[in-house]
Every structure is written in structure tokens, then in C-alpha cells.
């Protein structure tokens, strides 16, 4: 059963304890509010300001699990705080671990500070959960993808556009890499896991089945990744990874060698991306 008064008090306290810079927002010169404004939280949580304000006044509707998950992520709650929020709203907390899509506040704080760098947070099966603005400009808005297409490994075998920037030798290596990763995750997480589900979906794909049957594990990704962008062309970027072991999420940060052609293209892409967002 929902505890409206406790839910409202918890939401107000968390909102007032956050500063704009904690969640990647600009403070501005005329701020008088302690913490975040309700409209800022509503934007972060992808809901209307009126809906969120009613929750804080203990007069709103019974929020769904999806709404509570969005609020927990928008307020950068820890896992324990998220679970507490679910209980106050009358819901059982989601499971923790590799199947969870809840991003830790630590990873979010780092991503929020990478506004001028391509970066993304991904699950262990390659689903993009959150992107920096330049990350969206580089690879497109991942939130528009649904179902198995959210996984980069699945798209590699089913979407010809994913292969265009690569030579035949690179394509063969990446096919082995994705199959190897799915094989390891299937053994680690079990036959009912999301990795096993993706592997089963790809069994009708001749190329996947060929590399799957090689029984390879332990293939490592290349340090340099290639991206073919429609506006600036080919970029070669170094990928650095930060792991959240509790959730098995990875923060991927892409950088270019200073002075290189890719570095210049990345700077141009930042301008193009900013113009697209402002329009």
C-alpha cells in the first residue's frame, strides 16, 4: 500500500538536497531555490511538472513502477534509496544485478560531466542506457531503439549499416567478438538469461551460427573503434571503460588523439550536435 505522506516527504528531501551541477544542469545566476526546482526534477524524470508536484503534495495518483523507476533515476538515488522509494509507493523493489537497468548515481555523475565528450552507459549485452549529448550526436539517440535492436551485438548481425565502416577482416573479427561475448554471458548467467535469449534469436542468422559454432571465448575488443558518421565521415576513437561491478554496467568514453583528423572531426561534430539540439 502506498504511503503518500512518507513518499512526499522523501521526494522533497531528495530534491532539496540536490544541486543543479549534481545532475548535469546549469545553476544560472538568479537561482534562489534550495536544491532543484520541481520543474527540473520533472524534466529529469520525464514527466509533467504538475504530476511530480502532486506527488510531493501527497495528492497525486498512485505512481506506476515505471514512474517510480524514472523518478529514482532522475533523482540519482542509490540502490538502497531506490528500493525505499519503491516500498513507499507500494511496489516491490526491482531485482538487482546484471538484469537491472538502474544506473548507479556514481556513473551518472561522471556521465553528467562529459558534455563535451562522446560517452555512453551500456549493459553487459551492449544495450545503451544513457548517452552524453556528443554521444547522441555520434551514434544517434539510443532511446529510439526497442527490443533486441537495443543490443549492439544483435544489430551487428541483423543491420547491414552496422558493418559499413569496416573492412572484411575487421568484420570477421567483430563477428567473432560478439559471438564470444554472448557465449560467455550465456554460461555465466544461465539458459534463461537475456544473453541466452539473444543467442537463440540469432540462430537463424548464417553468419552468427558460423562464428557461434567456433566455440570461442575470451576475445577482447580493439582499443580503437571506428564510427562512420553521415556528416563528418569516418572517426577513429579510443575507448576507455569504467565498470560498475554491482550492476555490470559499463561507462564507455570515446576520445580522439589530439591533432588527428578524427579529433578535428569530433570538434566539428560537437558544433553540429549543439546546433541540432538547439533547433
Protein backbone atom coordinates (compact mmCIF):
# COMPACT_ATOMS: atom_id res chain seq x y z
CA UNK A 1 0.00 0.00 0.00
CA UNK A 2 1.27 3.45 -0.87
CA UNK A 3 2.41 5.71 1.97
CA UNK A 4 1.65 9.08 0.37
CA UNK A 5 2.90 11.31 3.17
CA UNK A 6 6.22 9.48 3.56
CA UNK A 7 6.64 9.34 -0.20
CA UNK A 8 6.05 13.08 -0.48
CA UNK A 9 8.48 13.87 2.33
CA UNK A 10 11.19 11.62 0.85
CA UNK A 11 10.84 13.18 -2.60
CA UNK A 12 11.01 16.73 -1.21
CA UNK A 13 14.09 15.92 0.86
CA UNK A 14 15.92 14.32 -2.06
CA UNK A 15 15.03 17.19 -4.43
CA UNK A 16 16.18 19.84 -1.96
CA UNK A 17 19.43 18.00 -1.26
CA UNK A 18 20.50 18.00 -4.92
CA UNK A 19 22.26 20.88 -6.63
CA UNK A 20 21.95 21.54 -10.40
CA UNK A 21 25.57 20.59 -11.01
CA UNK A 22 24.92 17.23 -9.30
CA UNK A 23 22.64 16.23 -12.17
CA UNK A 24 24.35 17.94 -15.09
CA UNK A 25 22.27 21.14 -15.07
CA UNK A 26 23.43 24.74 -15.20
CA UNK A 27 22.96 26.71 -11.97
CA UNK A 28 22.23 30.08 -13.61
CA UNK A 29 22.62 33.49 -12.00
CA UNK A 30 19.15 34.01 -10.46
CA UNK A 31 18.65 30.79 -8.54
CA UNK A 32 17.04 31.22 -5.13
CA UNK A 33 15.65 27.72 -4.63
CA UNK A 34 17.36 25.36 -2.21
CA UNK A 35 18.23 22.33 -4.29
CA UNK A 36 16.45 21.60 -7.55
CA UNK A 37 13.22 23.13 -8.77
CA UNK A 38 10.23 20.85 -9.24
CA UNK A 39 10.19 21.53 -12.97
CA UNK A 40 13.84 20.50 -13.19
CA UNK A 41 13.13 17.22 -11.44
CA UNK A 42 10.10 16.63 -13.65
CA UNK A 43 12.26 17.08 -16.74
CA UNK A 44 14.91 14.71 -15.40
CA UNK A 45 12.19 12.14 -14.63
CA UNK A 46 10.40 12.54 -17.98
CA UNK A 47 7.04 13.58 -16.54
CA UNK A 48 4.94 16.71 -16.22
CA UNK A 49 5.70 19.23 -13.51
CA UNK A 50 2.09 19.04 -12.31
CA UNK A 51 2.30 15.24 -11.89
CA UNK A 52 5.52 15.45 -9.90
CA UNK A 53 4.29 18.38 -7.78
CA UNK A 54 1.17 16.44 -6.81
CA UNK A 55 3.35 13.55 -5.60
CA UNK A 56 5.27 15.97 -3.38
CA UNK A 57 1.99 17.34 -2.03
CA UNK A 58 0.73 13.78 -1.34
CA UNK A 59 -2.27 14.41 -3.59
CA UNK A 60 -1.16 12.63 -6.76
CA UNK A 61 -2.27 9.31 -8.24
CA UNK A 62 -0.69 6.00 -7.32
CA UNK A 63 2.50 6.06 -9.44
CA UNK A 64 3.28 3.00 -11.51
CA UNK A 65 6.50 1.01 -11.17
CA UNK A 66 7.72 2.65 -14.39
CA UNK A 67 7.11 6.11 -12.95
CA UNK A 68 8.91 5.28 -9.70
CA UNK A 69 11.86 3.85 -11.63
CA UNK A 70 12.05 7.04 -13.67
CA UNK A 71 11.92 9.20 -10.54
CA UNK A 72 14.61 7.12 -8.84
CA UNK A 73 16.89 7.54 -11.85
CA UNK A 74 16.14 11.24 -12.27
CA UNK A 75 16.93 11.95 -8.61
CA UNK A 76 20.19 9.97 -8.84
CA UNK A 77 19.16 7.67 -5.98
CA UNK A 78 21.40 4.91 -4.70
CA UNK A 79 20.14 1.33 -4.91
CA UNK A 80 19.04 1.36 -1.27
CA UNK A 81 17.26 4.70 -1.77
CA UNK A 82 15.60 3.37 -4.92
CA UNK A 83 14.32 0.30 -3.10
CA UNK A 84 13.00 2.50 -0.27
CA UNK A 85 11.18 4.69 -2.81
CA UNK A 86 9.53 1.64 -4.37
CA UNK A 87 8.31 0.44 -0.98
CA UNK A 88 6.90 3.86 -0.07
CA UNK A 89 4.99 3.79 -3.37
CA UNK A 90 3.56 0.36 -2.58
CA UNK A 91 5.68 -1.63 -5.03
CA UNK A 92 8.21 -4.41 -4.59
CA UNK A 93 11.72 -3.19 -5.42
CA UNK A 94 13.18 -4.41 -8.73
CA UNK A 95 15.84 -7.09 -8.77
CA UNK A 96 19.43 -6.02 -8.51
CA UNK A 97 22.36 -7.19 -10.60
CA UNK A 98 23.08 -7.68 -14.28
CA UNK A 99 19.44 -7.65 -15.40
CA UNK A 100 18.80 -4.24 -13.83
CA UNK A 101 18.79 -1.12 -15.97
CA UNK A 102 19.02 1.21 -12.98
CA UNK A 103 22.21 3.26 -13.32
CA UNK A 104 24.26 3.94 -10.21
CA UNK A 105 24.46 7.63 -9.18
CA UNK A 106 28.26 7.44 -9.39
CA UNK A 107 28.22 6.56 -13.09
CA UNK A 108 25.55 9.18 -13.73
CA UNK A 109 27.60 11.90 -12.03
CA UNK A 110 30.58 11.09 -14.23
CA UNK A 111 28.46 11.00 -17.39
CA UNK A 112 26.83 14.33 -16.50
CA UNK A 113 30.27 15.95 -16.57
CA UNK A 114 31.14 14.61 -20.04
CA UNK A 115 29.04 17.09 -22.01
CA UNK A 116 31.89 17.71 -24.48
CA UNK A 117 32.89 14.05 -24.91
CA UNK A 118 31.13 11.10 -26.58
CA UNK A 119 30.17 8.70 -23.82
CA UNK A 120 27.51 6.12 -23.04
CA UNK A 121 26.47 3.74 -20.29
CA UNK A 122 25.74 0.23 -21.54
CA UNK A 123 24.56 -3.08 -20.12
CA UNK A 124 26.65 -6.23 -20.36
CA UNK A 125 24.79 -7.26 -23.55
CA UNK A 126 25.50 -3.91 -25.20
CA UNK A 127 22.25 -2.02 -24.62
CA UNK A 128 22.80 1.72 -24.33
CA UNK A 129 21.04 3.10 -21.23
CA UNK A 130 22.24 6.71 -21.26
CA UNK A 131 24.32 8.92 -23.56
CA UNK A 132 26.15 12.21 -23.32
CA UNK A 133 24.99 14.91 -25.80
CA UNK A 134 28.01 14.27 -28.02
CA UNK A 135 27.40 10.54 -27.69
CA UNK A 136 23.95 11.06 -29.19
CA UNK A 137 25.47 13.17 -31.97
CA UNK A 138 27.99 10.39 -32.70
CA UNK A 139 25.79 7.28 -32.75
CA UNK A 140 22.20 8.55 -32.74
CA UNK A 141 19.58 8.55 -30.00
CA UNK A 142 19.67 5.07 -28.47
CA UNK A 143 16.37 5.65 -26.66
CA UNK A 144 14.60 5.23 -30.00
CA UNK A 145 15.69 1.59 -30.27
CA UNK A 146 13.43 -1.14 -28.91
CA UNK A 147 13.54 -4.87 -28.33
CA UNK A 148 16.61 -6.88 -29.38
CA UNK A 149 17.78 -3.96 -31.55
CA UNK A 150 18.91 -2.23 -28.36
CA UNK A 151 21.89 -4.63 -28.27
CA UNK A 152 24.85 -3.63 -30.44
CA UNK A 153 25.78 -7.29 -30.83
CA UNK A 154 22.34 -8.14 -32.17
CA UNK A 155 22.38 -5.19 -34.58
CA UNK A 156 25.80 -6.26 -35.84
CA UNK A 157 24.33 -9.44 -37.30
CA UNK A 158 20.95 -8.06 -38.38
CA UNK A 159 21.59 -4.49 -39.59
CA UNK A 160 23.93 -4.13 -42.61
CA UNK A 161 24.53 -0.46 -41.75
CA UNK A 162 26.42 -1.52 -38.61
CA UNK A 163 29.13 -3.08 -40.76
CA UNK A 164 29.67 -0.37 -43.36
CA UNK A 165 32.78 1.33 -41.89
CA UNK A 166 34.69 -1.93 -41.53
CA UNK A 167 36.90 -3.99 -43.82
CA UNK A 168 36.13 -7.66 -44.39
CA UNK A 169 38.90 -8.63 -41.95
CA UNK A 170 37.52 -6.31 -39.27
CA UNK A 171 34.00 -7.61 -39.83
CA UNK A 172 35.14 -11.16 -39.28
CA UNK A 173 36.92 -10.23 -36.05
CA UNK A 174 33.95 -8.29 -34.69
CA UNK A 175 31.56 -11.12 -35.52
CA UNK A 176 33.77 -13.47 -33.50
CA UNK A 177 33.98 -10.87 -30.70
CA UNK A 178 30.20 -10.51 -30.32
CA UNK A 179 29.57 -14.26 -30.53
CA UNK A 180 32.32 -14.90 -27.98
CA UNK A 181 30.80 -12.36 -25.58
CA UNK A 182 27.33 -13.84 -25.85
CA UNK A 183 28.70 -17.34 -25.28
CA UNK A 184 30.50 -16.28 -22.11
CA UNK A 185 27.48 -14.38 -20.77
CA UNK A 186 25.14 -17.29 -21.53
CA UNK A 187 27.36 -19.60 -19.49
CA UNK A 188 27.68 -17.01 -16.70
CA UNK A 189 24.01 -16.00 -16.45
CA UNK A 190 22.33 -19.24 -17.46
CA UNK A 191 19.99 -20.55 -20.18
CA UNK A 192 17.12 -18.21 -19.18
CA UNK A 193 19.26 -15.06 -19.32
CA UNK A 194 18.90 -12.16 -21.74
CA UNK A 195 22.20 -13.17 -23.34
CA UNK A 196 20.86 -16.67 -24.00
CA UNK A 197 17.68 -15.15 -25.43
CA UNK A 198 19.68 -13.03 -27.90
CA UNK A 199 21.82 -16.01 -28.89
CA UNK A 200 18.65 -18.03 -29.58
CA UNK A 201 17.18 -15.22 -31.71
CA UNK A 202 20.35 -15.12 -33.81
CA UNK A 203 20.49 -18.83 -34.55
CA UNK A 204 18.67 -18.25 -37.86
CA UNK A 205 21.46 -15.91 -38.97
CA UNK A 206 24.01 -17.88 -41.02
CA UNK A 207 27.00 -15.71 -40.10
CA UNK A 208 26.22 -15.74 -36.41
CA UNK A 209 25.76 -19.51 -36.41
CA UNK A 210 29.12 -19.95 -38.16
CA UNK A 211 31.08 -17.95 -35.56
CA UNK A 212 28.96 -19.32 -32.69
CA UNK A 213 29.97 -22.84 -33.68
CA UNK A 214 33.65 -21.89 -33.30
CA UNK A 215 33.11 -22.16 -29.52
CA UNK A 216 35.42 -19.18 -28.89
CA UNK A 217 35.58 -17.27 -25.60
CA UNK A 218 37.80 -14.52 -24.26
CA UNK A 219 38.15 -12.41 -27.42
CA UNK A 220 38.96 -8.82 -26.44
CA UNK A 221 37.69 -5.68 -28.21
CA UNK A 222 40.13 -3.44 -30.04
CA UNK A 223 41.18 -0.27 -28.25
CA UNK A 224 40.32 1.88 -31.28
CA UNK A 225 36.74 1.92 -32.52
CA UNK A 226 35.59 3.17 -35.92
CA UNK A 227 32.44 5.22 -36.43
CA UNK A 228 31.00 6.25 -39.79
CA UNK A 229 29.07 9.48 -39.31
CA UNK A 230 26.82 10.86 -42.09
CA UNK A 231 28.01 14.46 -41.55
CA UNK A 232 31.71 14.23 -40.69
CA UNK A 233 32.70 10.86 -42.13
CA UNK A 234 34.93 8.25 -40.54
CA UNK A 235 36.17 8.74 -36.96
CA UNK A 236 38.71 6.55 -35.20
CA UNK A 237 38.27 6.90 -31.44
CA UNK A 238 39.94 5.30 -28.45
CA UNK A 239 37.51 3.72 -25.97
CA UNK A 240 38.10 3.82 -22.22
CA UNK A 241 35.84 1.75 -19.95
CA UNK A 242 34.71 2.19 -16.35
CA UNK A 243 32.88 -0.78 -14.81
CA UNK A 244 30.15 -0.76 -12.16
CA UNK A 245 30.57 -4.33 -10.85
CA UNK A 246 27.33 -4.39 -8.84
CA UNK A 247 25.13 -3.68 -11.88
CA UNK A 248 27.52 -4.95 -14.60
CA UNK A 249 27.13 -1.62 -16.38
CA UNK A 250 29.97 0.00 -18.29
CA UNK A 251 30.67 3.66 -18.92
CA UNK A 252 32.33 3.95 -22.33
CA UNK A 253 34.22 7.17 -23.10
CA UNK A 254 35.45 7.86 -26.63
CA UNK A 255 38.38 10.19 -27.31
CA UNK A 256 40.49 11.11 -30.32
CA UNK A 257 44.25 11.63 -30.49
CA UNK A 258 44.89 15.42 -30.24
CA UNK A 259 45.82 16.90 -33.58
CA UNK A 260 44.47 13.94 -35.56
CA UNK A 261 41.87 14.16 -38.31
CA UNK A 262 39.39 12.37 -36.04
CA UNK A 263 40.00 14.99 -33.32
CA UNK A 264 39.10 17.77 -35.74
CA UNK A 265 36.02 15.88 -36.91
CA UNK A 266 34.95 15.35 -33.30
CA UNK A 267 35.16 19.09 -32.65
CA UNK A 268 33.06 19.72 -35.75
CA UNK A 269 30.54 17.10 -34.62
CA UNK A 270 30.20 18.91 -31.26
CA UNK A 271 29.14 22.05 -33.11
CA UNK A 272 26.74 20.14 -35.35
CA UNK A 273 25.24 18.31 -32.36
CA UNK A 274 24.75 21.55 -30.39
CA UNK A 275 23.03 23.18 -33.37
CA UNK A 276 20.74 20.18 -33.80
CA UNK A 277 19.76 20.23 -30.12
CA UNK A 278 19.06 23.99 -30.13
CA UNK A 279 16.85 23.68 -33.20
